[in-house]
Structure formats: C-alpha cells, structure tokens
Amino acid sequence: MSSFTHIDSQGRVRMVDVSDKPPTLRTAVAQGTIAMKPETFGMIYNQKVKKGNVLETARIAGIMGAKRTSDLIPMCHPLNLKHAQIDFFPDPEKSVIRIEASVRIIDQTGVEMEALTAVSVAALTIYDMCKATDREMTISDIRLLEKSGGKSGTFTRSP
C-alpha cells in the first residue's frame, strides 16, 4: 500500500514498532530564528522585558518541549532523553535571535522531532513574553541541521 512507516498494509495509521532495533547513541541538532523590532531585541538583550529573563525562560521551555514531544506529535515514541540543550545566538545588527537545540539519547529511535520541537517551543516562548511590545515578530527557518545514529546513519544539512 505505502512505503510510509506509519501506515500499515491496510492504510491504517500506526506507531512504528522499534522493539527489534538495538539501542544506539542518537543525536539531533535543529535551529530556527525569531526576528523582531530593534527595540524588542534591545529589551531582550538588556533584560528589560517586564515578564522576566526571556532567553532563560525560553531555554527552559525548549528543554521541556523536547521532553514532551510525544504529547504533541502523533506517533512519536515517548523517549527518556539523556541530554537536551538550547543555545541562543543574538544578531544585534539584524534584530534576530538564532535558536539552536541539540538532543541526545541512547535508544531505538531518533530524536529529530525532539530537537525541532525544542526550537519551536523556545521561539514561541520568546514571542509570548514579548508580544505586548512587538506582535510582528517572525519565527522562521526551523530545520534539522544534523542527526546521527540509527539505520539511516548520519545526516548533515548542506550549507
């Protein structure tokens, strides 16, 4: 019927059975950006947002998002992550913050969705904390940069 792994031979949706796969070290790195007005960027950078420290709150939210991915994305396996990290790379000239998430696990399935969810939730948290000042913020370019482990091996996005 289909080569999609989440659809059985009768066309029904299913969670992929990974029980026969050996646990291996699997990693994923994703990134995204949030662009804003220069005034908003300055408030975040100088910690002047009334709701608190925007980037540290977004870091916590991103890690929590990675841990809760299976609650948000149908058919994602619940995973016991071994590592999740969120880093921010502010660009004052463009009033943009690049968000990067890295996730690691020793398990039978990959962590790409967890890394992508972490970036998304971190960006949404920045938006939420600053929306009173800047409703025109734009979240964009959320993408997988690299992954390793598992049957499909290593992927690295071309520059």
N, C-alpha and C. Protein backbone atom coordinates (compact mmCIF):
# COMPACT_ATOMS: atom_id res chain seq x y z
N MET A 1 0.83 -1.21 0.00
CA MET A 1 0.00 0.00 0.00
C MET A 1 0.86 1.26 0.00
N SER A 2 1.84 1.34 0.93
CA SER A 2 2.61 2.56 1.06
C SER A 2 3.99 2.25 1.61
N SER A 3 4.94 3.10 1.28
CA SER A 3 6.28 2.96 1.85
C SER A 3 6.42 3.76 3.14
N PHE A 4 5.38 4.44 3.55
CA PHE A 4 5.43 5.19 4.80
C PHE A 4 5.40 4.23 5.98
N THR A 5 6.26 4.46 6.94
CA THR A 5 6.37 3.53 8.07
C THR A 5 5.24 3.68 9.07
N HIS A 6 4.50 4.77 9.03
CA HIS A 6 3.41 4.98 9.98
C HIS A 6 2.06 4.53 9.42
N ILE A 7 2.09 3.82 8.29
CA ILE A 7 0.85 3.30 7.69
C ILE A 7 1.03 1.82 7.44
N ASP A 8 0.06 1.02 7.89
CA ASP A 8 0.17 -0.43 7.69
C ASP A 8 -0.33 -0.82 6.29
N SER A 9 -0.33 -2.11 5.99
CA SER A 9 -0.69 -2.58 4.65
C SER A 9 -2.16 -2.31 4.30
N GLN A 10 -3.00 -2.06 5.30
CA GLN A 10 -4.40 -1.73 5.04
C GLN A 10 -4.65 -0.22 5.02
N GLY A 11 -3.58 0.57 5.12
CA GLY A 11 -3.73 2.02 5.09
C GLY A 11 -4.08 2.64 6.43
N ARG A 12 -3.96 1.88 7.50
CA ARG A 12 -4.27 2.39 8.84
C ARG A 12 -3.02 2.99 9.47
N VAL A 13 -3.21 4.08 10.21
CA VAL A 13 -2.11 4.73 10.91
C VAL A 13 -1.67 3.86 12.08
N ARG A 14 -0.37 3.83 12.30
CA ARG A 14 0.17 3.04 13.41
C ARG A 14 1.45 3.68 13.91
N MET A 15 1.78 3.35 15.14
CA MET A 15 3.09 3.73 15.67
C MET A 15 4.07 2.66 15.22
N VAL A 16 5.23 3.08 14.73
CA VAL A 16 6.23 2.14 14.25
C VAL A 16 6.73 1.28 15.40
N ASP A 17 6.85 -0.01 15.16
CA ASP A 17 7.38 -0.94 16.16
C ASP A 17 8.90 -0.93 16.08
N VAL A 18 9.55 -0.40 17.11
CA VAL A 18 11.02 -0.33 17.12
C VAL A 18 11.61 -1.36 18.08
N SER A 19 10.80 -2.29 18.57
CA SER A 19 11.26 -3.22 19.61
C SER A 19 12.39 -4.13 19.15
N ASP A 20 12.52 -4.38 17.84
CA ASP A 20 13.61 -5.23 17.35
C ASP A 20 14.90 -4.47 17.07
N LYS A 21 14.85 -3.15 17.13
CA LYS A 21 16.05 -2.35 16.86
C LYS A 21 16.95 -2.32 18.09
N PRO A 22 18.26 -2.34 17.90
CA PRO A 22 19.16 -2.21 19.05
C PRO A 22 19.25 -0.75 19.48
N PRO A 23 19.35 -0.50 20.78
CA PRO A 23 19.56 0.88 21.23
C PRO A 23 20.95 1.37 20.77
N THR A 24 20.99 2.57 20.21
CA THR A 24 22.25 3.18 19.81
C THR A 24 22.23 4.64 20.22
N LEU A 25 23.41 5.24 20.25
CA LEU A 25 23.50 6.68 20.51
C LEU A 25 22.93 7.42 19.31
N ARG A 26 21.99 8.30 19.58
CA ARG A 26 21.35 9.08 18.53
C ARG A 26 21.36 10.54 18.94
N THR A 27 21.69 11.39 18.00
CA THR A 27 21.73 12.83 18.28
C THR A 27 21.00 13.58 17.19
N ALA A 28 20.57 14.78 17.51
CA ALA A 28 19.96 15.66 16.52
C ALA A 28 20.22 17.11 16.93
N VAL A 29 20.45 17.95 15.93
CA VAL A 29 20.62 19.38 16.14
C VAL A 29 19.67 20.09 15.17
N ALA A 30 18.89 21.03 15.70
CA ALA A 30 17.95 21.81 14.89
C ALA A 30 18.14 23.28 15.22
N GLN A 31 17.66 24.11 14.31
CA GLN A 31 17.73 25.55 14.57
C GLN A 31 16.53 26.26 13.98
N GLY A 32 16.33 27.47 14.42
CA GLY A 32 15.30 28.35 13.89
C GLY A 32 15.65 29.77 14.27
N THR A 33 14.89 30.73 13.77
CA THR A 33 15.15 32.13 14.09
C THR A 33 13.87 32.84 14.48
N ILE A 34 14.06 33.90 15.24
CA ILE A 34 12.96 34.81 15.53
C ILE A 34 13.48 36.22 15.30
N ALA A 35 12.79 36.92 14.40
CA ALA A 35 13.15 38.30 14.05
C ALA A 35 12.16 39.24 14.72
N MET A 36 12.66 40.42 15.07
CA MET A 36 11.84 41.36 15.82
C MET A 36 12.27 42.79 15.55
N LYS A 37 11.53 43.73 16.10
CA LYS A 37 11.91 45.14 16.01
C LYS A 37 13.19 45.35 16.83
N PRO A 38 14.01 46.32 16.42
CA PRO A 38 15.23 46.60 17.19
C PRO A 38 14.96 46.92 18.67
N GLU A 39 13.85 47.59 18.93
CA GLU A 39 13.51 47.93 20.33
C GLU A 39 13.26 46.66 21.15
N THR A 40 12.58 45.72 20.55
CA THR A 40 12.29 44.46 21.23
C THR A 40 13.58 43.69 21.48
N PHE A 41 14.42 43.64 20.47
CA PHE A 41 15.71 42.96 20.61
C PHE A 41 16.50 43.58 21.77
N GLY A 42 16.53 44.90 21.83
CA GLY A 42 17.24 45.60 22.91
C GLY A 42 16.68 45.27 24.28
N MET A 43 15.36 45.20 24.38
CA MET A 43 14.75 44.84 25.67
C MET A 43 15.14 43.44 26.10
N ILE A 44 15.15 42.49 25.15
CA ILE A 44 15.55 41.13 25.49
C ILE A 44 17.02 41.09 25.87
N TYR A 45 17.85 41.69 25.03
CA TYR A 45 19.30 41.65 25.21
C TYR A 45 19.72 42.31 26.53
N ASN A 46 19.03 43.38 26.90
CA ASN A 46 19.36 44.11 28.14
C ASN A 46 18.50 43.68 29.33
N GLN A 47 17.75 42.61 29.17
CA GLN A 47 16.89 42.05 30.22
C GLN A 47 15.95 43.10 30.81
N LYS A 48 15.24 43.79 29.93
CA LYS A 48 14.30 44.84 30.34
C LYS A 48 12.84 44.44 30.10
N VAL A 49 12.60 43.18 29.72
CA VAL A 49 11.23 42.72 29.50
C VAL A 49 10.58 42.49 30.86
N LYS A 50 9.40 43.08 31.06
CA LYS A 50 8.74 43.03 32.37
C LYS A 50 8.40 41.61 32.84
N LYS A 51 8.23 40.69 31.89
CA LYS A 51 7.88 39.31 32.27
C LYS A 51 9.07 38.53 32.80
N GLY A 52 10.28 39.07 32.68
CA GLY A 52 11.45 38.38 33.21
C GLY A 52 12.50 38.11 32.16
N ASN A 53 13.44 37.25 32.51
CA ASN A 53 14.56 36.90 31.63
C ASN A 53 14.04 36.03 30.49
N VAL A 54 13.91 36.64 29.32
CA VAL A 54 13.27 35.99 28.18
C VAL A 54 14.05 34.76 27.72
N LEU A 55 15.36 34.90 27.54
CA LEU A 55 16.12 33.79 26.98
C LEU A 55 16.24 32.61 27.94
N GLU A 56 16.38 32.88 29.23
CA GLU A 56 16.45 31.75 30.17
C GLU A 56 15.10 31.05 30.29
N THR A 57 14.02 31.82 30.22
CA THR A 57 12.69 31.21 30.23
C THR A 57 12.49 30.38 28.97
N ALA A 58 12.92 30.91 27.82
CA ALA A 58 12.79 30.17 26.56
C ALA A 58 13.67 28.92 26.57
N ARG A 59 14.83 29.00 27.20
CA ARG A 59 15.71 27.82 27.30
C ARG A 59 15.01 26.69 28.07
N ILE A 60 14.41 27.04 29.20
CA ILE A 60 13.67 26.05 29.99
C ILE A 60 12.50 25.49 29.19
N ALA A 61 11.76 26.38 28.54
CA ALA A 61 10.60 25.94 27.75
C ALA A 61 11.02 25.01 26.61
N GLY A 62 12.12 25.32 25.94
CA GLY A 62 12.60 24.48 24.86
C GLY A 62 12.97 23.09 25.33
N ILE A 63 13.65 23.02 26.46
CA ILE A 63 14.00 21.71 27.02
C ILE A 63 12.75 20.94 27.42
N MET A 64 11.81 21.64 28.04
CA MET A 64 10.54 20.98 28.39
C MET A 64 9.80 20.51 27.14
N GLY A 65 9.85 21.31 26.08
CA GLY A 65 9.21 20.93 24.83
C GLY A 65 9.82 19.66 24.25
N ALA A 66 11.15 19.58 24.29
CA ALA A 66 11.82 18.36 23.80
C ALA A 66 11.34 17.15 24.58
N LYS A 67 11.22 17.30 25.89
CA LYS A 67 10.81 16.18 26.75
C LYS A 67 9.36 15.77 26.53
N ARG A 68 8.54 16.69 26.02
CA ARG A 68 7.10 16.42 25.86
C ARG A 68 6.68 16.23 24.42
N THR A 69 7.62 16.03 23.52
CA THR A 69 7.30 15.94 22.09
C THR A 69 6.26 14.88 21.80
N SER A 70 6.35 13.73 22.44
CA SER A 70 5.39 12.66 22.14
C SER A 70 3.97 13.03 22.56
N ASP A 71 3.80 14.03 23.42
CA ASP A 71 2.47 14.50 23.77
C ASP A 71 1.88 15.42 22.70
N LEU A 72 2.74 15.91 21.80
CA LEU A 72 2.32 16.89 20.81
C LEU A 72 2.24 16.33 19.39
N ILE A 73 3.13 15.43 19.04
CA ILE A 73 3.24 14.91 17.68
C ILE A 73 2.72 13.47 17.66
N PRO A 74 1.64 13.23 16.93
CA PRO A 74 1.10 11.86 16.89
C PRO A 74 2.15 10.86 16.39
N MET A 75 2.16 9.71 16.98
CA MET A 75 3.01 8.58 16.63
C MET A 75 4.47 8.74 17.04
N CYS A 76 4.83 9.84 17.69
CA CYS A 76 6.19 9.95 18.23
C CYS A 76 6.29 9.06 19.46
N HIS A 77 7.39 8.35 19.56
CA HIS A 77 7.60 7.50 20.73
C HIS A 77 7.96 8.37 21.94
N PRO A 78 7.41 8.05 23.12
CA PRO A 78 7.86 8.76 24.32
C PRO A 78 9.30 8.32 24.62
N LEU A 79 10.18 9.29 24.82
CA LEU A 79 11.59 8.98 24.98
C LEU A 79 12.13 9.49 26.30
N ASN A 80 13.13 8.81 26.80
CA ASN A 80 13.83 9.21 28.01
C ASN A 80 15.14 9.88 27.58
N LEU A 81 15.05 11.17 27.28
CA LEU A 81 16.20 11.90 26.77
C LEU A 81 17.35 11.89 27.76
N LYS A 82 18.56 11.81 27.24
CA LYS A 82 19.76 11.85 28.07
C LYS A 82 20.34 13.25 28.13
N HIS A 83 20.06 14.08 27.11
CA HIS A 83 20.61 15.43 27.06
C HIS A 83 19.74 16.28 26.16
N ALA A 84 19.49 17.49 26.58
CA ALA A 84 18.83 18.49 25.74
C ALA A 84 19.44 19.84 26.09
N GLN A 85 19.82 20.58 25.06
CA GLN A 85 20.46 21.88 25.26
C GLN A 85 19.91 22.88 24.27
N ILE A 86 19.67 24.09 24.75
CA ILE A 86 19.20 25.18 23.91
C ILE A 86 20.23 26.30 24.00
N ASP A 87 20.67 26.78 22.84
CA ASP A 87 21.60 27.91 22.79
C ASP A 87 21.00 29.01 21.92
N PHE A 88 21.35 30.25 22.28
CA PHE A 88 20.85 31.43 21.56
C PHE A 88 22.03 32.18 20.96
N PHE A 89 21.83 32.65 19.73
CA PHE A 89 22.86 33.39 19.02
C PHE A 89 22.24 34.69 18.53
N PRO A 90 22.30 35.75 19.37
CA PRO A 90 21.70 37.03 19.00
C PRO A 90 22.51 37.75 17.92
N ASP A 91 21.81 38.37 17.00
CA ASP A 91 22.43 39.19 15.96
C ASP A 91 21.85 40.61 16.09
N PRO A 92 22.56 41.48 16.81
CA PRO A 92 22.03 42.83 17.04
C PRO A 92 21.82 43.65 15.77
N GLU A 93 22.64 43.43 14.75
CA GLU A 93 22.51 44.20 13.52
C GLU A 93 21.20 43.90 12.79
N LYS A 94 20.74 42.66 12.88
CA LYS A 94 19.51 42.26 12.18
C LYS A 94 18.31 42.14 13.12
N SER A 95 18.53 42.30 14.43
CA SER A 95 17.47 42.12 15.44
C SER A 95 16.85 40.74 15.31
N VAL A 96 17.71 39.74 15.23
CA VAL A 96 17.31 38.34 15.08
C VAL A 96 18.03 37.52 16.13
N ILE A 97 17.33 36.53 16.64
CA ILE A 97 17.95 35.56 17.55
C ILE A 97 17.84 34.20 16.89
N ARG A 98 18.98 33.58 16.66
CA ARG A 98 19.00 32.20 16.15
C ARG A 98 18.97 31.28 17.36
N ILE A 99 18.11 30.28 17.30
CA ILE A 99 17.94 29.31 18.38
C ILE A 99 18.45 27.97 17.87
N GLU A 100 19.28 27.32 18.67
CA GLU A 100 19.78 26.00 18.30
C GLU A 100 19.52 25.03 19.44
N ALA A 101 19.00 23.87 19.10
CA ALA A 101 18.73 22.83 20.08
C ALA A 101 19.51 21.58 19.71
N SER A 102 20.12 20.97 20.71
CA SER A 102 20.76 19.67 20.49
C SER A 102 20.19 18.69 21.51
N VAL A 103 19.93 17.48 21.02
CA VAL A 103 19.30 16.45 21.84
C VAL A 103 20.06 15.15 21.63
N ARG A 104 20.19 14.40 22.72
CA ARG A 104 20.93 13.13 22.65
C ARG A 104 20.19 12.06 23.47
N ILE A 105 20.31 10.82 22.97
CA ILE A 105 19.65 9.69 23.62
C ILE A 105 20.37 8.41 23.24
N ILE A 106 20.25 7.41 24.06
CA ILE A 106 20.62 6.04 23.68
C ILE A 106 19.31 5.28 23.67
N ASP A 107 18.85 4.97 22.45
CA ASP A 107 17.52 4.37 22.33
C ASP A 107 17.38 3.72 20.95
N GLN A 108 16.14 3.30 20.66
CA GLN A 108 15.83 2.57 19.44
C GLN A 108 15.23 3.44 18.35
N THR A 109 15.06 4.73 18.62
CA THR A 109 14.50 5.65 17.63
C THR A 109 15.16 7.01 17.79
N GLY A 110 15.09 7.81 16.74
CA GLY A 110 15.80 9.08 16.69
C GLY A 110 15.15 10.21 17.46
N VAL A 111 15.87 11.32 17.53
CA VAL A 111 15.43 12.48 18.31
C VAL A 111 15.29 13.75 17.47
N GLU A 112 15.10 13.59 16.16
CA GLU A 112 14.95 14.76 15.31
C GLU A 112 13.74 15.59 15.71
N MET A 113 12.61 14.93 15.95
CA MET A 113 11.40 15.67 16.30
C MET A 113 11.55 16.40 17.63
N GLU A 114 12.31 15.81 18.56
CA GLU A 114 12.54 16.45 19.85
C GLU A 114 13.36 17.73 19.68
N ALA A 115 14.38 17.69 18.83
CA ALA A 115 15.19 18.88 18.59
C ALA A 115 14.38 19.97 17.89
N LEU A 116 13.59 19.59 16.90
CA LEU A 116 12.74 20.55 16.19
C LEU A 116 11.67 21.14 17.11
N THR A 117 11.10 20.33 17.96
CA THR A 117 10.10 20.82 18.91
C THR A 117 10.73 21.77 19.91
N ALA A 118 11.93 21.46 20.37
CA ALA A 118 12.63 22.32 21.32
C ALA A 118 12.83 23.72 20.74
N VAL A 119 13.28 23.79 19.50
CA VAL A 119 13.47 25.09 18.85
C VAL A 119 12.14 25.83 18.74
N SER A 120 11.11 25.13 18.31
CA SER A 120 9.80 25.74 18.12
C SER A 120 9.25 26.31 19.42
N VAL A 121 9.33 25.53 20.48
CA VAL A 121 8.79 25.97 21.78
C VAL A 121 9.61 27.13 22.34
N ALA A 122 10.92 27.10 22.18
CA ALA A 122 11.75 28.22 22.63
C ALA A 122 11.37 29.50 21.89
N ALA A 123 11.20 29.40 20.58
CA ALA A 123 10.82 30.58 19.78
C ALA A 123 9.43 31.08 20.18
N LEU A 124 8.49 30.18 20.38
CA LEU A 124 7.15 30.59 20.79
C LEU A 124 7.16 31.25 22.17
N THR A 125 8.03 30.81 23.04
CA THR A 125 8.14 31.42 24.37
C THR A 125 8.67 32.84 24.26
N ILE A 126 9.68 33.05 23.41
CA ILE A 126 10.17 34.42 23.19
C ILE A 126 9.03 35.29 22.68
N TYR A 127 8.28 34.78 21.71
CA TYR A 127 7.15 35.54 21.18
C TYR A 127 6.15 35.86 22.30
N ASP A 128 5.80 34.86 23.07
CA ASP A 128 4.81 35.06 24.13
C ASP A 128 5.25 36.11 25.14
N MET A 129 6.51 36.08 25.51
CA MET A 129 6.99 37.02 26.53
C MET A 129 7.13 38.45 26.00
N CYS A 130 7.19 38.61 24.69
CA CYS A 130 7.42 39.94 24.11
C CYS A 130 6.27 40.45 23.24
N LYS A 131 5.19 39.70 23.14
CA LYS A 131 4.11 40.06 22.22
C LYS A 131 3.44 41.37 22.58
N ALA A 132 3.46 41.77 23.82
CA ALA A 132 2.84 43.04 24.20
C ALA A 132 3.58 44.22 23.57
N THR A 133 4.86 44.04 23.29
CA THR A 133 5.69 45.08 22.69
C THR A 133 5.76 44.97 21.18
N ASP A 134 5.72 43.72 20.67
CA ASP A 134 6.01 43.50 19.25
C ASP A 134 5.22 42.30 18.72
N ARG A 135 4.07 42.56 18.16
CA ARG A 135 3.27 41.46 17.60
C ARG A 135 3.71 41.08 16.19
N GLU A 136 4.69 41.79 15.65
CA GLU A 136 5.17 41.50 14.30
C GLU A 136 6.40 40.58 14.29
N MET A 137 6.78 40.05 15.43
CA MET A 137 7.91 39.11 15.46
C MET A 137 7.61 37.97 14.49
N THR A 138 8.67 37.46 13.87
CA THR A 138 8.51 36.39 12.88
C THR A 138 9.40 35.22 13.24
N ILE A 139 8.78 34.07 13.42
CA ILE A 139 9.50 32.82 13.66
C ILE A 139 9.68 32.15 12.31
N SER A 140 10.92 31.72 11.99
CA SER A 140 11.15 31.14 10.67
C SER A 140 12.33 30.18 10.67
N ASP A 141 12.49 29.54 9.53
CA ASP A 141 13.66 28.72 9.23
C ASP A 141 13.91 27.60 10.24
N ILE A 142 12.86 27.03 10.79
CA ILE A 142 13.04 25.89 11.70
C ILE A 142 13.39 24.68 10.85
N ARG A 143 14.54 24.08 11.15
CA ARG A 143 15.02 22.98 10.31
C ARG A 143 16.03 22.13 11.05
N LEU A 144 16.13 20.89 10.60
CA LEU A 144 17.13 19.96 11.12
C LEU A 144 18.47 20.30 10.50
N LEU A 145 19.50 20.43 11.33
CA LEU A 145 20.86 20.68 10.84
C LEU A 145 21.64 19.39 10.68
N GLU A 146 21.47 18.51 11.66
CA GLU A 146 22.19 17.24 11.59
C GLU A 146 21.54 16.22 12.50
N LYS A 147 21.78 14.96 12.17
CA LYS A 147 21.36 13.85 13.02
C LYS A 147 22.34 12.73 12.82
N SER A 148 22.48 11.91 13.86
CA SER A 148 23.35 10.74 13.75
C SER A 148 22.73 9.59 14.53
N GLY A 149 23.16 8.38 14.14
CA GLY A 149 22.68 7.18 14.80
C GLY A 149 21.55 6.52 14.04
N GLY A 150 21.35 5.26 14.34
CA GLY A 150 20.26 4.52 13.72
C GLY A 150 20.61 3.99 12.35
N LYS A 151 19.65 3.29 11.76
CA LYS A 151 19.84 2.62 10.48
C LYS A 151 20.14 3.60 9.35
N SER A 152 19.54 4.79 9.40
CA SER A 152 19.75 5.74 8.30
C SER A 152 21.07 6.50 8.42
N GLY A 153 21.78 6.32 9.52
CA GLY A 153 23.12 6.90 9.65
C GLY A 153 23.11 8.39 9.94
N THR A 154 24.09 9.08 9.35
CA THR A 154 24.32 10.49 9.63
C THR A 154 23.75 11.36 8.52
N PHE A 155 23.15 12.47 8.93
CA PHE A 155 22.66 13.49 8.00
C PHE A 155 23.27 14.80 8.45
N THR A 156 23.80 15.56 7.51
CA THR A 156 24.27 16.92 7.77
C THR A 156 23.73 17.79 6.66
N ARG A 157 23.00 18.85 7.05
CA ARG A 157 22.42 19.76 6.07
C ARG A 157 23.53 20.45 5.30
N SER A 158 23.35 20.59 4.02
CA SER A 158 24.31 21.31 3.19
C SER A 158 24.26 22.79 3.54
N PRO A 159 25.42 23.47 3.51
CA PRO A 159 25.42 24.91 3.84
C PRO A 159 24.66 25.73 2.81
